[in-house]
Amino acid sequence: MTRRRLDERAGRYGPPTDEGFITMQVQVRYYAAAKAAKGVAEETRDLPAGATIGAFLTDLGSSSPAVFARCSFIVNGTATTDRARVLNEGDRLDVLPPFAGG
């Protein structure tokens, strides 16, 4: 049985191991204002296993401008605004700021 614990220094959740926490990789694509704010169109992020979209945003830390607070997301082709959605190894996360027009 795997117990989850909080690494107080990093503020991250993950299954405990002797070396620390198991991580996973998530492919992230940024669009429009999120791309401009982040400075890259795409990146691979190492996150704690079982991290949520909210944990991903926290992991962005101080590099996260206000634009990310208003974003919606697409995970593996499915739209969501649920920041409690758990991400899995190999997921593709699209970060979409609000759009106007039509």
N, C-alpha and C. Protein backbone atom coordinates (compact mmCIF):
# COMPACT_ATOMS: atom_id res chain seq x y z
N MET A 1 0.85 -1.18 0.00
CA MET A 1 0.00 0.00 0.00
C MET A 1 0.89 1.24 0.00
N THR A 2 0.62 2.16 -0.90
CA THR A 2 1.42 3.37 -1.01
C THR A 2 0.76 4.47 -0.19
N ARG A 3 1.52 5.05 0.71
CA ARG A 3 1.02 6.18 1.50
C ARG A 3 1.53 7.45 0.88
N ARG A 4 0.69 8.48 0.89
CA ARG A 4 1.09 9.77 0.36
C ARG A 4 1.54 10.63 1.53
N ARG A 5 2.51 11.50 1.28
CA ARG A 5 2.98 12.39 2.32
C ARG A 5 3.31 13.74 1.72
N LEU A 6 3.43 14.73 2.56
CA LEU A 6 3.74 16.08 2.12
C LEU A 6 5.21 16.36 2.36
N ASP A 7 5.92 16.76 1.32
CA ASP A 7 7.30 17.22 1.45
C ASP A 7 7.19 18.70 1.81
N GLU A 8 7.35 19.04 3.07
CA GLU A 8 7.11 20.39 3.56
C GLU A 8 8.01 21.42 2.92
N ARG A 9 9.21 21.04 2.56
CA ARG A 9 10.12 22.01 1.93
C ARG A 9 9.65 22.39 0.55
N ALA A 10 9.19 21.43 -0.23
CA ALA A 10 8.79 21.71 -1.61
C ALA A 10 7.30 21.96 -1.73
N GLY A 11 6.52 21.57 -0.72
CA GLY A 11 5.08 21.74 -0.79
C GLY A 11 4.44 20.85 -1.86
N ARG A 12 4.99 19.65 -2.07
CA ARG A 12 4.50 18.75 -3.11
C ARG A 12 4.05 17.44 -2.51
N TYR A 13 3.06 16.82 -3.17
CA TYR A 13 2.62 15.50 -2.78
C TYR A 13 3.23 14.46 -3.69
N GLY A 14 3.41 13.28 -3.17
CA GLY A 14 3.90 12.19 -3.99
C GLY A 14 4.13 10.96 -3.14
N PRO A 15 4.16 9.80 -3.76
CA PRO A 15 4.44 8.59 -3.00
C PRO A 15 5.86 8.63 -2.44
N PRO A 16 6.03 8.31 -1.17
CA PRO A 16 7.37 8.36 -0.59
C PRO A 16 8.28 7.27 -1.15
N THR A 17 9.54 7.62 -1.32
CA THR A 17 10.58 6.67 -1.69
C THR A 17 11.78 6.99 -0.82
N ASP A 18 12.81 6.16 -0.89
CA ASP A 18 14.01 6.43 -0.11
C ASP A 18 14.70 7.71 -0.57
N GLU A 19 14.59 8.02 -1.86
CA GLU A 19 15.26 9.19 -2.43
C GLU A 19 14.41 10.45 -2.38
N GLY A 20 13.16 10.35 -2.04
CA GLY A 20 12.28 11.52 -2.04
C GLY A 20 10.95 11.15 -2.65
N PHE A 21 10.61 11.77 -3.76
CA PHE A 21 9.31 11.55 -4.37
C PHE A 21 9.43 11.07 -5.81
N ILE A 22 8.53 10.19 -6.19
CA ILE A 22 8.46 9.72 -7.56
C ILE A 22 7.89 10.85 -8.40
N THR A 23 8.49 11.08 -9.56
CA THR A 23 7.99 12.14 -10.43
C THR A 23 7.47 11.55 -11.73
N MET A 24 6.75 12.37 -12.45
CA MET A 24 6.23 12.00 -13.76
C MET A 24 6.48 13.17 -14.69
N GLN A 25 6.42 12.91 -15.99
CA GLN A 25 6.59 13.97 -16.97
C GLN A 25 5.27 14.23 -17.67
N VAL A 26 4.96 15.52 -17.81
CA VAL A 26 3.75 15.97 -18.49
C VAL A 26 4.18 16.95 -19.57
N GLN A 27 3.68 16.76 -20.77
CA GLN A 27 3.94 17.68 -21.88
C GLN A 27 2.97 18.84 -21.77
N VAL A 28 3.46 20.07 -21.73
CA VAL A 28 2.61 21.25 -21.56
C VAL A 28 2.77 22.15 -22.78
N ARG A 29 1.62 22.59 -23.34
CA ARG A 29 1.62 23.54 -24.44
C ARG A 29 0.87 24.79 -23.97
N TYR A 30 1.49 25.94 -24.20
CA TYR A 30 0.93 27.22 -23.80
C TYR A 30 0.43 27.96 -25.04
N TYR A 31 -0.71 28.63 -24.93
CA TYR A 31 -1.28 29.36 -26.04
C TYR A 31 -1.51 30.82 -25.70
N ALA A 32 -1.42 31.67 -26.74
CA ALA A 32 -1.75 33.10 -26.67
C ALA A 32 -1.06 33.78 -25.49
N ALA A 33 -1.83 34.41 -24.60
CA ALA A 33 -1.25 35.17 -23.48
C ALA A 33 -0.47 34.27 -22.53
N ALA A 34 -0.87 33.00 -22.40
CA ALA A 34 -0.12 32.08 -21.54
C ALA A 34 1.26 31.81 -22.14
N LYS A 35 1.33 31.69 -23.46
CA LYS A 35 2.60 31.51 -24.15
C LYS A 35 3.49 32.74 -23.97
N ALA A 36 2.90 33.93 -24.11
CA ALA A 36 3.67 35.16 -23.92
C ALA A 36 4.15 35.29 -22.48
N ALA A 37 3.31 34.95 -21.52
CA ALA A 37 3.68 35.06 -20.11
C ALA A 37 4.77 34.06 -19.73
N LYS A 38 4.69 32.85 -20.26
CA LYS A 38 5.66 31.80 -19.92
C LYS A 38 6.95 31.95 -20.72
N GLY A 39 6.83 32.49 -21.93
CA GLY A 39 8.03 32.69 -22.75
C GLY A 39 8.41 31.49 -23.60
N VAL A 40 7.60 30.45 -23.56
CA VAL A 40 7.81 29.27 -24.40
C VAL A 40 6.46 28.77 -24.87
N ALA A 41 6.46 28.09 -26.01
CA ALA A 41 5.21 27.53 -26.53
C ALA A 41 4.94 26.14 -25.97
N GLU A 42 6.01 25.43 -25.61
CA GLU A 42 5.86 24.04 -25.19
C GLU A 42 7.03 23.65 -24.31
N GLU A 43 6.75 22.78 -23.33
CA GLU A 43 7.81 22.27 -22.47
C GLU A 43 7.37 20.96 -21.85
N THR A 44 8.33 20.20 -21.38
CA THR A 44 8.05 19.00 -20.61
C THR A 44 8.34 19.33 -19.16
N ARG A 45 7.34 19.10 -18.28
CA ARG A 45 7.49 19.42 -16.86
C ARG A 45 7.58 18.13 -16.06
N ASP A 46 8.51 18.11 -15.09
CA ASP A 46 8.57 17.04 -14.10
C ASP A 46 7.69 17.47 -12.94
N LEU A 47 6.71 16.64 -12.62
CA LEU A 47 5.79 16.91 -11.51
C LEU A 47 5.75 15.70 -10.59
N PRO A 48 5.38 15.91 -9.34
CA PRO A 48 5.21 14.76 -8.44
C PRO A 48 4.13 13.82 -8.97
N ALA A 49 4.31 12.54 -8.84
CA ALA A 49 3.30 11.58 -9.28
C ALA A 49 1.97 11.90 -8.62
N GLY A 50 0.91 11.90 -9.39
CA GLY A 50 -0.41 12.17 -8.86
C GLY A 50 -0.73 13.65 -8.70
N ALA A 51 0.11 14.51 -9.26
CA ALA A 51 -0.13 15.95 -9.14
C ALA A 51 -1.40 16.35 -9.89
N THR A 52 -2.02 17.40 -9.44
CA THR A 52 -3.22 17.94 -10.07
C THR A 52 -2.84 19.14 -10.94
N ILE A 53 -3.81 19.64 -11.69
CA ILE A 53 -3.58 20.86 -12.46
C ILE A 53 -3.24 22.00 -11.50
N GLY A 54 -3.92 22.06 -10.37
CA GLY A 54 -3.62 23.08 -9.36
C GLY A 54 -2.19 22.98 -8.85
N ALA A 55 -1.70 21.76 -8.64
CA ALA A 55 -0.32 21.57 -8.20
C ALA A 55 0.65 22.01 -9.29
N PHE A 56 0.28 21.77 -10.55
CA PHE A 56 1.10 22.25 -11.67
C PHE A 56 1.20 23.77 -11.61
N LEU A 57 0.08 24.44 -11.39
CA LEU A 57 0.10 25.91 -11.31
C LEU A 57 0.94 26.38 -10.13
N THR A 58 0.86 25.68 -9.01
CA THR A 58 1.69 26.02 -7.85
C THR A 58 3.16 25.80 -8.19
N ASP A 59 3.44 24.73 -8.94
CA ASP A 59 4.81 24.42 -9.33
C ASP A 59 5.41 25.52 -10.22
N LEU A 60 4.54 26.25 -10.94
CA LEU A 60 5.04 27.37 -11.73
C LEU A 60 5.60 28.47 -10.83
N GLY A 61 5.11 28.51 -9.58
CA GLY A 61 5.63 29.44 -8.59
C GLY A 61 5.49 30.89 -8.98
N SER A 62 6.50 31.67 -8.65
CA SER A 62 6.45 33.11 -8.88
C SER A 62 6.50 33.46 -10.36
N SER A 63 6.81 32.49 -11.21
CA SER A 63 6.80 32.76 -12.65
C SER A 63 5.38 32.73 -13.21
N SER A 64 4.41 32.52 -12.33
CA SER A 64 3.02 32.41 -12.75
C SER A 64 2.29 33.74 -12.63
N PRO A 65 2.18 34.49 -13.71
CA PRO A 65 1.45 35.76 -13.65
C PRO A 65 -0.05 35.53 -13.55
N ALA A 66 -0.77 36.61 -13.37
CA ALA A 66 -2.21 36.55 -13.16
C ALA A 66 -2.95 35.85 -14.31
N VAL A 67 -2.37 35.84 -15.50
CA VAL A 67 -3.04 35.21 -16.63
C VAL A 67 -3.34 33.73 -16.35
N PHE A 68 -2.47 33.03 -15.64
CA PHE A 68 -2.68 31.61 -15.37
C PHE A 68 -3.86 31.37 -14.42
N ALA A 69 -4.21 32.36 -13.64
CA ALA A 69 -5.34 32.22 -12.72
C ALA A 69 -6.67 32.13 -13.47
N ARG A 70 -6.71 32.62 -14.69
CA ARG A 70 -7.95 32.65 -15.47
C ARG A 70 -7.99 31.59 -16.57
N CYS A 71 -6.98 30.77 -16.66
CA CYS A 71 -6.88 29.81 -17.76
C CYS A 71 -7.84 28.63 -17.61
N SER A 72 -8.18 28.07 -18.76
CA SER A 72 -8.83 26.76 -18.80
C SER A 72 -7.81 25.79 -19.41
N PHE A 73 -8.13 24.52 -19.43
CA PHE A 73 -7.15 23.52 -19.80
C PHE A 73 -7.76 22.45 -20.69
N ILE A 74 -6.91 21.82 -21.47
CA ILE A 74 -7.29 20.63 -22.22
C ILE A 74 -6.28 19.56 -21.83
N VAL A 75 -6.79 18.44 -21.32
CA VAL A 75 -5.94 17.32 -20.93
C VAL A 75 -6.24 16.17 -21.88
N ASN A 76 -5.24 15.82 -22.69
CA ASN A 76 -5.39 14.72 -23.64
C ASN A 76 -6.64 14.87 -24.51
N GLY A 77 -6.92 16.11 -24.93
CA GLY A 77 -8.04 16.36 -25.82
C GLY A 77 -9.38 16.63 -25.15
N THR A 78 -9.44 16.61 -23.82
CA THR A 78 -10.68 16.85 -23.10
C THR A 78 -10.59 18.16 -22.32
N ALA A 79 -11.51 19.09 -22.60
CA ALA A 79 -11.51 20.39 -21.94
C ALA A 79 -11.90 20.27 -20.48
N THR A 80 -11.26 21.08 -19.64
CA THR A 80 -11.59 21.10 -18.21
C THR A 80 -11.21 22.44 -17.60
N THR A 81 -11.92 22.83 -16.56
CA THR A 81 -11.53 23.96 -15.73
C THR A 81 -11.26 23.47 -14.31
N ASP A 82 -11.34 22.16 -14.10
CA ASP A 82 -11.18 21.53 -12.78
C ASP A 82 -9.71 21.45 -12.41
N ARG A 83 -9.30 22.30 -11.51
CA ARG A 83 -7.90 22.33 -11.08
C ARG A 83 -7.55 21.16 -10.15
N ALA A 84 -8.55 20.41 -9.73
CA ALA A 84 -8.31 19.23 -8.90
C ALA A 84 -8.13 17.98 -9.75
N ARG A 85 -8.20 18.11 -11.06
CA ARG A 85 -8.01 16.97 -11.94
C ARG A 85 -6.58 16.45 -11.83
N VAL A 86 -6.47 15.15 -11.60
CA VAL A 86 -5.16 14.51 -11.45
C VAL A 86 -4.53 14.29 -12.82
N LEU A 87 -3.25 14.62 -12.92
CA LEU A 87 -2.49 14.39 -14.14
C LEU A 87 -1.74 13.07 -14.02
N ASN A 88 -1.47 12.46 -15.15
CA ASN A 88 -0.76 11.18 -15.18
C ASN A 88 0.48 11.27 -16.06
N GLU A 89 1.40 10.36 -15.86
CA GLU A 89 2.60 10.27 -16.68
C GLU A 89 2.24 10.29 -18.16
N GLY A 90 2.90 11.17 -18.91
CA GLY A 90 2.69 11.23 -20.34
C GLY A 90 1.51 12.05 -20.80
N ASP A 91 0.75 12.63 -19.87
CA ASP A 91 -0.38 13.47 -20.27
C ASP A 91 0.09 14.68 -21.06
N ARG A 92 -0.79 15.18 -21.90
CA ARG A 92 -0.56 16.44 -22.61
C ARG A 92 -1.54 17.45 -22.03
N LEU A 93 -1.00 18.54 -21.51
CA LEU A 93 -1.79 19.60 -20.89
C LEU A 93 -1.66 20.86 -21.73
N ASP A 94 -2.79 21.32 -22.28
CA ASP A 94 -2.83 22.57 -23.01
C ASP A 94 -3.35 23.66 -22.09
N VAL A 95 -2.64 24.78 -22.02
CA VAL A 95 -2.99 25.89 -21.14
C VAL A 95 -3.57 27.01 -22.00
N LEU A 96 -4.85 27.31 -21.78
CA LEU A 96 -5.58 28.25 -22.64
C LEU A 96 -6.10 29.44 -21.83
N PRO A 97 -5.58 30.63 -22.11
CA PRO A 97 -6.13 31.81 -21.46
C PRO A 97 -7.50 32.14 -22.06
N PRO A 98 -8.27 33.01 -21.42
CA PRO A 98 -9.55 33.38 -21.99
C PRO A 98 -9.37 34.01 -23.38
N PHE A 99 -10.26 33.66 -24.29
CA PHE A 99 -10.23 34.21 -25.64
C PHE A 99 -11.45 35.10 -25.84
N ALA A 100 -11.33 36.09 -26.67
CA ALA A 100 -12.45 36.95 -27.03
C ALA A 100 -12.63 36.92 -28.54
N GLY A 101 -13.78 37.30 -28.97
CA GLY A 101 -14.03 37.35 -30.40
C GLY A 101 -14.74 36.13 -30.90
N GLY A 102 -14.81 35.98 -32.18
CA GLY A 102 -15.52 34.84 -32.70
C GLY A 102 -15.47 34.77 -34.12
